Amino acid sequence: MHSLKDELTYFFSGKGMPYAKVSLIIAIIMVVVFSAIGSDNYIKDGKVAVIDLDNSKFSHEFIEEMNTSPYIKVKDVLNVPADPQKLLYQDRYLAVIYLPAGFEKNRYSEGVNNIGVFYDNINNAQSGNLKEALNIIIAVQNQKIGLPQIQALGLNGEQTAAIMNNISLNERLLFNPNSSSSNNGTLGFLFFFSSMFQVFATIGMISRLRLERKWNAQLLEGSPFDLMLRLIPYVICLTVALIVGLALLRVIGDLSFNGNFFTLVLSILLLAISNGFMCILFGWGAANPGVAASRMILFVPAGFILGGMSGPLDLHPGWVHVVSNAFPLVWVYRLVRDIILRGASFMEVSQEFGGFMIYAGILAVIVCIRFYHDRKVLLSQEATATEKRETVTDMP
């Protein structure tokens, strides 16, 4: 009982974490935020691209039929041959639908009339509703030929059955055909936990400098680039660790590696650098490294949840996709999917690289602004203290 009394005294003293308030606030925030993030419950208007080589009245009607489904949104229609794999870069579409030449002509024949569908299977949960919707549309289209039309064509029973089942789907799963966890869950966790421990190692940097009584000297005599240089060993460690982890996953697992190694290394370096900048910013005002470490939850788990490795990206509302750009892991997951799994070259992901570099540059600018602001405040405080000392000295 004495131990309990002593702990209760500390609990309400205000010296530690105000857990009585924090526990309730976290519970409320988690319910509100994740209810909003998962409010759609299913993927509405799954983005698809259509390669329409027939460009006929019937193919146009078929595309419009797909567009009326709540599960499908035809985002782009191409009338020339294109590589479906390249169309799926940067998570632009969930699938590419290929309508062959002669699609309308074959509609009223006994021949094969196949529609090709190329699914992005990196996350196999994202294509379930899309597959179901396509199968329903095919079934409806196959039933649309009425008996008068069949009689007008003078077809027998076998020919009628062939036409009534004329359209069919030929499906192909790209990038992760066996739905391997190495290409999705394990890969996501590798980057998540590696980033988390880099944050634990660096987020208390400024708090440590304060405890070591080095921070004021750093502000007065140093520059924000001195802080950034302190991140170098942590950046190197995270980069090496992720490369080793990916190599092991390739050797002992079944990770698909289709891209360029050096392009991958550049994306990992950008992750390590931007993670370090986030650590500096989030740990800036913490009283000690322990308090700073607790702030990791504000940006690392969110990047994992919203990065598309724990669930389909299109399950989230549009505003979530905008907000997710604030987290480093989201940027690197986009690049990893394109480079490792889809085999994109540097030029094919240059837009994402440019965005990631701008993001890292913005974080660096914010670090500089915060540094010079604190220097100004410290100089002002020192000037005020000097004036007070001089006033006291001049008093008779």
Protein backbone atom coordinates (compact mmCIF):
# COMPACT_ATOMS: atom_id res chain seq x y z
CA MET A 1 0.00 0.00 0.00
CA HIS A 2 2.91 2.36 0.67
CA SER A 3 4.20 1.61 -2.84
CA LEU A 4 0.78 2.32 -4.32
CA LYS A 5 0.49 5.57 -2.36
CA ASP A 6 3.95 6.65 -3.50
CA GLU A 7 3.11 5.84 -7.14
CA LEU A 8 -0.21 7.70 -6.95
CA THR A 9 1.62 10.74 -5.56
CA TYR A 10 3.99 10.66 -8.54
CA PHE A 11 1.10 9.91 -10.95
CA PHE A 12 -0.71 13.14 -9.99
CA SER A 13 2.42 15.24 -9.45
CA GLY A 14 2.75 16.30 -13.10
CA LYS A 15 6.39 15.18 -13.26
CA GLY A 16 5.71 12.29 -15.63
CA MET A 17 3.40 11.68 -18.57
CA PRO A 18 -0.17 12.82 -17.78
CA TYR A 19 -1.43 9.33 -18.58
CA ALA A 20 -4.91 9.92 -17.14
CA LYS A 21 -5.51 12.47 -19.91
CA VAL A 22 -3.37 10.86 -22.60
CA SER A 23 -5.11 7.47 -22.38
CA LEU A 24 -8.54 9.00 -23.01
CA ILE A 25 -7.30 11.39 -25.71
CA ILE A 26 -5.53 8.59 -27.62
CA ALA A 27 -8.60 6.34 -27.46
CA ILE A 28 -10.87 9.10 -28.79
CA ILE A 29 -8.43 10.18 -31.51
CA MET A 30 -7.87 6.61 -32.71
CA VAL A 31 -11.60 5.93 -33.01
CA VAL A 32 -12.32 9.22 -34.80
CA VAL A 33 -9.31 9.16 -37.13
CA PHE A 34 -9.47 5.50 -38.16
CA SER A 35 -13.24 5.61 -38.56
CA ALA A 36 -12.74 8.51 -40.98
CA ILE A 37 -9.86 6.79 -42.80
CA GLY A 38 -11.80 3.56 -43.26
CA SER A 39 -15.18 5.19 -43.84
CA ASP A 40 -15.55 3.83 -47.39
CA ASN A 41 -15.44 0.16 -46.25
CA TYR A 42 -14.81 -0.93 -49.82
CA ILE A 43 -13.06 0.46 -52.88
CA LYS A 44 -15.45 2.79 -54.68
CA ASP A 45 -14.68 3.68 -58.29
CA GLY A 46 -11.59 1.48 -58.61
CA LYS A 47 -9.39 3.18 -61.22
CA VAL A 48 -8.85 1.21 -64.44
CA ALA A 49 -7.34 1.98 -67.83
CA VAL A 50 -8.91 0.55 -70.99
CA ILE A 51 -6.91 -0.24 -74.14
CA ASP A 52 -9.67 -0.21 -76.78
CA LEU A 53 -8.20 -1.49 -80.05
CA ASP A 54 -11.65 -2.05 -81.60
CA ASN A 55 -12.88 1.53 -81.11
CA SER A 56 -16.39 0.50 -82.19
CA LYS A 57 -19.87 1.38 -81.06
CA PHE A 58 -20.11 -1.81 -79.04
CA SER A 59 -16.73 -1.28 -77.33
CA HIS A 60 -17.81 2.25 -76.38
CA GLU A 61 -21.06 0.88 -74.94
CA PHE A 62 -19.12 -1.76 -73.02
CA ILE A 63 -16.82 0.91 -71.53
CA GLU A 64 -19.83 2.98 -70.49
CA GLU A 65 -21.33 -0.11 -68.88
CA MET A 66 -18.16 -0.52 -66.80
CA ASN A 67 -18.22 3.15 -65.84
CA THR A 68 -21.73 2.83 -64.42
CA SER A 69 -20.56 0.24 -61.87
CA PRO A 70 -19.93 1.69 -58.37
CA TYR A 71 -16.76 -0.41 -58.20
CA ILE A 72 -15.17 0.72 -61.47
CA LYS A 73 -14.04 4.07 -62.79
CA VAL A 74 -12.59 4.13 -66.30
CA LYS A 75 -9.95 6.77 -65.79
CA ASP A 76 -8.31 6.61 -69.22
CA VAL A 77 -9.07 5.02 -72.61
CA LEU A 78 -6.27 4.34 -75.09
CA ASN A 79 -6.83 3.36 -78.71
CA VAL A 80 -3.27 2.23 -79.39
CA PRO A 81 -1.32 -0.76 -78.02
CA ALA A 82 0.43 -0.08 -74.69
CA ASP A 83 2.38 -2.06 -72.10
CA PRO A 84 -0.08 -2.81 -69.25
CA GLN A 85 2.75 -3.13 -66.72
CA LYS A 86 4.00 0.40 -67.37
CA LEU A 87 0.49 1.78 -67.10
CA LEU A 88 0.33 0.43 -63.54
CA TYR A 89 3.41 2.39 -62.36
CA GLN A 90 2.91 4.90 -59.52
CA ASP A 91 -0.32 3.12 -58.43
CA ARG A 92 -2.20 4.90 -61.22
CA TYR A 93 -4.68 2.06 -61.79
CA LEU A 94 -5.87 -1.15 -60.15
CA ALA A 95 -6.12 -2.92 -63.49
CA VAL A 96 -5.74 -2.52 -67.26
CA ILE A 97 -8.57 -3.88 -69.45
CA TYR A 98 -7.70 -4.88 -73.02
CA LEU A 99 -10.50 -4.87 -75.64
CA PRO A 100 -9.11 -6.58 -78.77
CA ALA A 101 -9.61 -5.59 -82.39
CA GLY A 102 -12.74 -7.22 -83.79
CA PHE A 103 -14.49 -7.04 -80.42
CA GLU A 104 -17.81 -5.95 -81.98
CA LYS A 105 -17.51 -8.29 -84.97
CA ASN A 106 -16.85 -11.30 -82.75
CA ARG A 107 -19.79 -10.40 -80.55
CA TYR A 108 -22.19 -12.09 -82.97
CA SER A 109 -20.03 -15.03 -83.94
CA GLU A 110 -19.33 -18.42 -82.47
CA GLY A 111 -15.65 -17.58 -82.09
CA VAL A 112 -13.72 -16.63 -79.00
CA ASN A 113 -14.16 -13.05 -77.81
CA ASN A 114 -11.73 -12.66 -74.95
CA ILE A 115 -11.18 -9.52 -72.89
CA GLY A 116 -7.75 -9.31 -71.31
CA VAL A 117 -7.55 -8.01 -67.75
CA PHE A 118 -4.21 -7.26 -66.09
CA TYR A 119 -4.53 -6.83 -62.32
CA ASP A 120 -1.98 -5.16 -60.07
CA ASN A 121 -1.65 -7.97 -57.52
CA ILE A 122 0.88 -6.42 -55.16
CA ASN A 123 -2.00 -6.15 -52.73
CA ASN A 124 -4.49 -8.84 -53.72
CA ALA A 125 -7.23 -7.41 -51.47
CA GLN A 126 -7.68 -4.41 -53.74
CA SER A 127 -9.05 -6.26 -56.77
CA GLY A 128 -11.82 -8.37 -55.19
CA ASN A 129 -14.73 -6.00 -55.86
CA LEU A 130 -13.31 -5.14 -59.27
CA LYS A 131 -13.22 -8.80 -60.36
CA GLU A 132 -16.76 -9.36 -59.13
CA ALA A 133 -18.05 -6.27 -60.95
CA LEU A 134 -16.37 -7.28 -64.23
CA ASN A 135 -17.81 -10.81 -64.08
CA ILE A 136 -21.32 -9.40 -63.52
CA ILE A 137 -20.95 -6.99 -66.47
CA ILE A 138 -19.78 -9.86 -68.71
CA ALA A 139 -22.71 -12.01 -67.64
CA VAL A 140 -25.18 -9.18 -68.31
CA GLN A 141 -23.67 -8.46 -71.74
CA ASN A 142 -23.84 -12.13 -72.69
CA GLN A 143 -27.54 -12.17 -71.84
CA LYS A 144 -28.41 -9.01 -73.77
CA ILE A 145 -28.86 -10.68 -77.15
CA GLY A 146 -32.58 -11.31 -77.34
CA LEU A 147 -34.34 -14.27 -78.89
CA PRO A 148 -35.60 -12.24 -81.92
CA GLN A 149 -32.03 -11.34 -82.80
CA ILE A 150 -30.95 -14.95 -82.57
CA GLN A 151 -33.87 -16.09 -84.70
CA ALA A 152 -33.08 -13.38 -87.26
CA LEU A 153 -29.56 -14.75 -87.55
CA GLY A 154 -31.01 -18.23 -88.16
CA LEU A 155 -28.89 -19.93 -85.50
CA ASN A 156 -29.39 -23.40 -84.08
CA GLY A 157 -29.23 -24.31 -80.38
CA GLU A 158 -25.44 -24.83 -80.20
CA GLN A 159 -24.76 -21.59 -82.05
CA THR A 160 -27.18 -19.76 -79.76
CA ALA A 161 -25.39 -21.11 -76.66
CA ALA A 162 -22.03 -20.04 -78.12
CA ILE A 163 -23.23 -16.48 -78.66
CA MET A 164 -24.88 -16.32 -75.25
CA ASN A 165 -21.44 -17.10 -73.74
CA ASN A 166 -19.42 -15.21 -76.30
CA ILE A 167 -17.55 -12.72 -74.10
CA SER A 168 -15.12 -14.07 -71.52
CA LEU A 169 -12.31 -12.75 -69.35
CA ASN A 170 -8.68 -13.74 -69.59
CA GLU A 171 -7.12 -12.60 -66.33
CA ARG A 172 -3.47 -12.11 -65.49
CA LEU A 173 -2.07 -11.19 -62.07
CA LEU A 174 0.99 -8.93 -62.35
CA PHE A 175 3.95 -8.32 -60.03
CA ASN A 176 2.90 -10.75 -57.28
CA PRO A 177 1.02 -13.61 -58.98
CA ASN A 178 1.32 -15.99 -56.01
CA SER A 179 0.22 -13.35 -53.50
CA SER A 180 3.50 -13.86 -51.63
CA SER A 181 3.86 -12.09 -48.28
CA SER A 182 7.50 -11.36 -49.16
CA ASN A 183 6.30 -8.90 -51.80
CA ASN A 184 3.82 -7.15 -49.55
CA GLY A 185 3.58 -7.63 -45.78
CA THR A 186 7.17 -8.67 -45.04
CA LEU A 187 8.56 -5.97 -47.32
CA GLY A 188 6.39 -3.35 -45.62
CA PHE A 189 7.38 -4.46 -42.12
CA LEU A 190 11.08 -4.43 -43.05
CA PHE A 191 10.94 -0.72 -43.90
CA PHE A 192 8.57 0.08 -41.02
CA PHE A 193 10.59 -1.44 -38.16
CA SER A 194 13.94 -0.36 -39.61
CA SER A 195 12.67 3.24 -39.85
CA MET A 196 11.20 3.05 -36.35
CA PHE A 197 14.52 2.12 -34.75
CA GLN A 198 16.35 4.81 -36.70
CA VAL A 199 13.86 7.26 -35.21
CA PHE A 200 14.46 5.90 -31.69
CA ALA A 201 18.19 6.48 -32.21
CA THR A 202 17.91 10.06 -33.52
CA ILE A 203 14.75 11.73 -32.27
CA GLY A 204 16.31 12.54 -28.89
CA MET A 205 19.38 14.22 -30.42
CA ILE A 206 18.53 17.81 -29.46
CA SER A 207 17.28 16.78 -26.01
CA ARG A 208 20.60 14.98 -25.45
CA LEU A 209 22.54 18.08 -26.50
CA ARG A 210 20.55 20.10 -23.96
CA LEU A 211 21.31 17.62 -21.18
CA GLU A 212 25.00 17.69 -22.16
CA ARG A 213 24.87 21.52 -22.07
CA LYS A 214 25.99 21.72 -25.70
CA TRP A 215 22.79 23.05 -27.24
CA ASN A 216 23.31 26.76 -26.55
CA ALA A 217 26.81 26.59 -28.02
CA GLN A 218 25.38 24.79 -31.04
CA LEU A 219 22.82 27.55 -31.54
CA LEU A 220 25.29 30.42 -31.09
CA GLU A 221 28.33 29.02 -32.88
CA GLY A 222 26.99 26.36 -35.23
CA SER A 223 24.49 26.10 -38.06
CA PRO A 224 21.54 23.86 -38.94
CA PHE A 225 23.84 21.99 -41.30
CA ASP A 226 25.83 20.85 -38.26
CA LEU A 227 22.66 19.13 -37.04
CA MET A 228 22.10 17.55 -40.43
CA LEU A 229 25.68 16.24 -40.51
CA ARG A 230 25.04 14.47 -37.20
CA LEU A 231 22.52 12.30 -39.06
CA ILE A 232 25.14 10.77 -41.39
CA PRO A 233 26.00 7.64 -39.32
CA TYR A 234 22.30 6.89 -38.81
CA VAL A 235 21.56 7.37 -42.51
CA ILE A 236 24.37 4.95 -43.42
CA CYS A 237 23.21 2.37 -40.86
CA LEU A 238 19.59 2.42 -42.06
CA THR A 239 20.63 2.20 -45.72
CA VAL A 240 22.96 -0.76 -45.12
CA ALA A 241 20.42 -2.51 -42.89
CA LEU A 242 17.63 -2.24 -45.47
CA ILE A 243 19.88 -3.47 -48.30
CA VAL A 244 20.95 -6.47 -46.19
CA GLY A 245 17.33 -7.15 -45.24
CA LEU A 246 16.19 -7.02 -48.87
CA ALA A 247 19.06 -9.33 -49.91
CA LEU A 248 18.04 -11.87 -47.25
CA LEU A 249 14.40 -11.61 -48.30
CA ARG A 250 15.47 -12.29 -51.89
CA VAL A 251 17.62 -15.30 -50.92
CA ILE A 252 15.55 -17.02 -48.22
CA GLY A 253 12.16 -15.67 -49.29
CA ASP A 254 10.57 -15.18 -52.68
CA LEU A 255 10.92 -11.44 -53.10
CA SER A 256 10.58 -10.33 -56.71
CA PHE A 257 13.34 -7.88 -57.63
CA ASN A 258 12.80 -6.49 -61.10
CA GLY A 259 14.30 -3.00 -60.87
CA ASN A 260 17.66 -1.25 -60.76
CA PHE A 261 19.73 -1.63 -57.59
CA PHE A 262 21.20 1.88 -57.60
CA THR A 263 17.79 3.47 -58.10
CA LEU A 264 16.61 1.54 -55.04
CA VAL A 265 19.61 2.73 -52.99
CA LEU A 266 18.80 6.35 -53.87
CA SER A 267 15.23 5.92 -52.65
CA ILE A 268 16.44 4.37 -49.37
CA LEU A 269 18.88 7.26 -48.84
CA LEU A 270 16.03 9.73 -49.32
CA LEU A 271 13.99 7.83 -46.73
CA ALA A 272 16.85 7.84 -44.20
CA ILE A 273 17.51 11.57 -44.71
CA SER A 274 13.88 12.67 -44.55
CA ASN A 275 13.30 10.43 -41.52
CA GLY A 276 16.23 12.15 -39.82
CA PHE A 277 14.81 15.61 -40.56
CA MET A 278 11.45 14.55 -39.13
CA CYS A 279 13.23 13.31 -35.99
CA ILE A 280 14.94 16.67 -35.52
CA LEU A 281 11.65 18.54 -35.89
CA PHE A 282 9.52 16.27 -33.69
CA GLY A 283 12.16 15.93 -30.98
CA TRP A 284 13.07 19.62 -30.88
CA GLY A 285 11.20 20.78 -27.80
CA ALA A 286 11.23 17.51 -25.84
CA ALA A 287 12.46 17.76 -22.24
CA ASN A 288 14.54 14.58 -22.51
CA PRO A 289 15.26 11.78 -25.03
CA GLY A 290 12.57 9.56 -23.46
CA VAL A 291 9.84 12.09 -24.10
CA ALA A 292 11.18 12.65 -27.61
CA ALA A 293 11.08 8.90 -28.38
CA SER A 294 7.38 8.78 -27.52
CA ARG A 295 6.69 11.21 -30.39
CA MET A 296 7.71 8.55 -32.90
CA ILE A 297 4.09 7.44 -33.01
CA LEU A 298 3.13 10.73 -34.67
CA PHE A 299 4.69 9.94 -38.04
CA VAL A 300 6.20 6.44 -38.39
CA PRO A 301 3.11 4.20 -37.87
CA ALA A 302 0.98 6.62 -39.90
CA GLY A 303 3.35 6.22 -42.86
CA PHE A 304 3.03 2.44 -42.65
CA ILE A 305 -0.77 2.47 -42.39
CA LEU A 306 -1.28 4.99 -45.21
CA GLY A 307 1.55 3.73 -47.44
CA GLY A 308 -0.40 0.91 -49.05
CA MET A 309 1.57 -1.99 -47.53
CA SER A 310 -0.99 -2.83 -44.84
CA GLY A 311 -4.08 -2.49 -47.04
CA PRO A 312 -5.33 -1.18 -50.39
CA LEU A 313 -4.64 2.51 -51.00
CA ASP A 314 -7.93 3.08 -52.79
CA LEU A 315 -9.83 2.01 -49.68
CA HIS A 316 -9.10 5.46 -48.22
CA PRO A 317 -11.00 8.67 -49.09
CA GLY A 318 -9.31 11.26 -51.32
CA TRP A 319 -8.31 13.59 -48.47
CA VAL A 320 -6.32 10.75 -46.87
CA HIS A 321 -4.15 10.46 -50.00
CA VAL A 322 -3.32 14.17 -49.70
CA VAL A 323 -2.52 14.00 -45.97
CA SER A 324 -0.40 10.86 -46.42
CA ASN A 325 2.21 12.88 -48.34
CA ALA A 326 3.40 14.25 -44.98
CA PHE A 327 5.03 10.92 -44.02
CA PRO A 328 8.41 9.66 -45.34
CA LEU A 329 7.38 5.99 -45.42
CA VAL A 330 4.53 6.75 -47.83
CA TRP A 331 6.99 8.19 -50.35
CA VAL A 332 9.43 5.28 -50.13
CA TYR A 333 6.66 2.66 -50.36
CA ARG A 334 5.54 4.18 -53.67
CA LEU A 335 9.09 3.97 -55.02
CA VAL A 336 9.68 0.47 -53.63
CA ARG A 337 6.56 -0.89 -55.32
CA ASP A 338 7.64 0.59 -58.65
CA ILE A 339 11.35 -0.23 -58.46
CA ILE A 340 11.43 -3.62 -56.73
CA LEU A 341 8.15 -5.20 -57.82
CA ARG A 342 7.18 -3.47 -61.07
CA GLY A 343 10.71 -3.07 -62.44
CA ALA A 344 10.50 0.64 -63.22
CA SER A 345 13.66 2.43 -64.32
CA PHE A 346 14.90 5.70 -62.84
CA MET A 347 13.32 7.78 -65.60
CA GLU A 348 10.00 5.99 -65.17
CA VAL A 349 9.88 6.97 -61.50
CA SER A 350 11.59 10.34 -61.91
CA GLN A 351 8.38 12.17 -61.05
CA GLU A 352 8.12 10.36 -57.72
CA PHE A 353 11.84 10.92 -57.08
CA GLY A 354 11.42 14.61 -57.77
CA GLY A 355 8.49 14.81 -55.36
CA PHE A 356 10.44 12.94 -52.67
CA MET A 357 13.43 15.27 -53.08
CA ILE A 358 11.20 18.35 -52.82
CA TYR A 359 9.61 16.85 -49.71
CA ALA A 360 13.04 16.29 -48.11
CA GLY A 361 14.08 19.82 -49.13
CA ILE A 362 10.99 21.31 -47.46
CA LEU A 363 11.84 19.46 -44.23
CA ALA A 364 15.41 20.80 -44.41
CA VAL A 365 14.13 24.36 -44.85
CA ILE A 366 11.83 23.97 -41.82
CA VAL A 367 14.81 22.72 -39.76
CA CYS A 368 16.78 25.84 -40.79
CA ILE A 369 13.89 28.17 -39.96
CA ARG A 370 13.43 26.57 -36.53
CA PHE A 371 17.18 26.72 -35.83
CA TYR A 372 17.54 30.42 -36.65
CA HIS A 373 14.36 31.25 -34.75
CA ASP A 374 15.74 29.56 -31.60
CA ARG A 375 19.08 31.32 -32.08
CA LYS A 376 17.28 34.65 -32.25
CA VAL A 377 15.33 33.85 -29.08
CA LEU A 378 18.51 32.79 -27.25
CA LEU A 379 20.38 35.93 -28.31
CA SER A 380 17.45 38.03 -27.12
CA GLN A 381 17.43 36.23 -23.77
CA GLU A 382 21.17 36.69 -23.34
CA ALA A 383 20.90 40.38 -24.22
CA THR A 384 18.12 40.83 -21.65
CA ALA A 385 20.14 38.99 -18.99
CA THR A 386 23.19 41.16 -19.76
CA GLU A 387 21.14 44.35 -19.42
CA LYS A 388 19.82 43.20 -16.05
CA ARG A 389 23.32 42.44 -14.80
CA GLU A 390 24.57 45.83 -15.96
CA THR A 391 21.61 47.55 -14.27
CA VAL A 392 22.32 45.77 -11.01
CA THR A 393 26.03 46.67 -11.25
CA ASP A 394 25.29 50.37 -11.88
CA MET A 395 22.98 50.65 -8.86
CA PRO A 396 24.57 52.54 -5.93
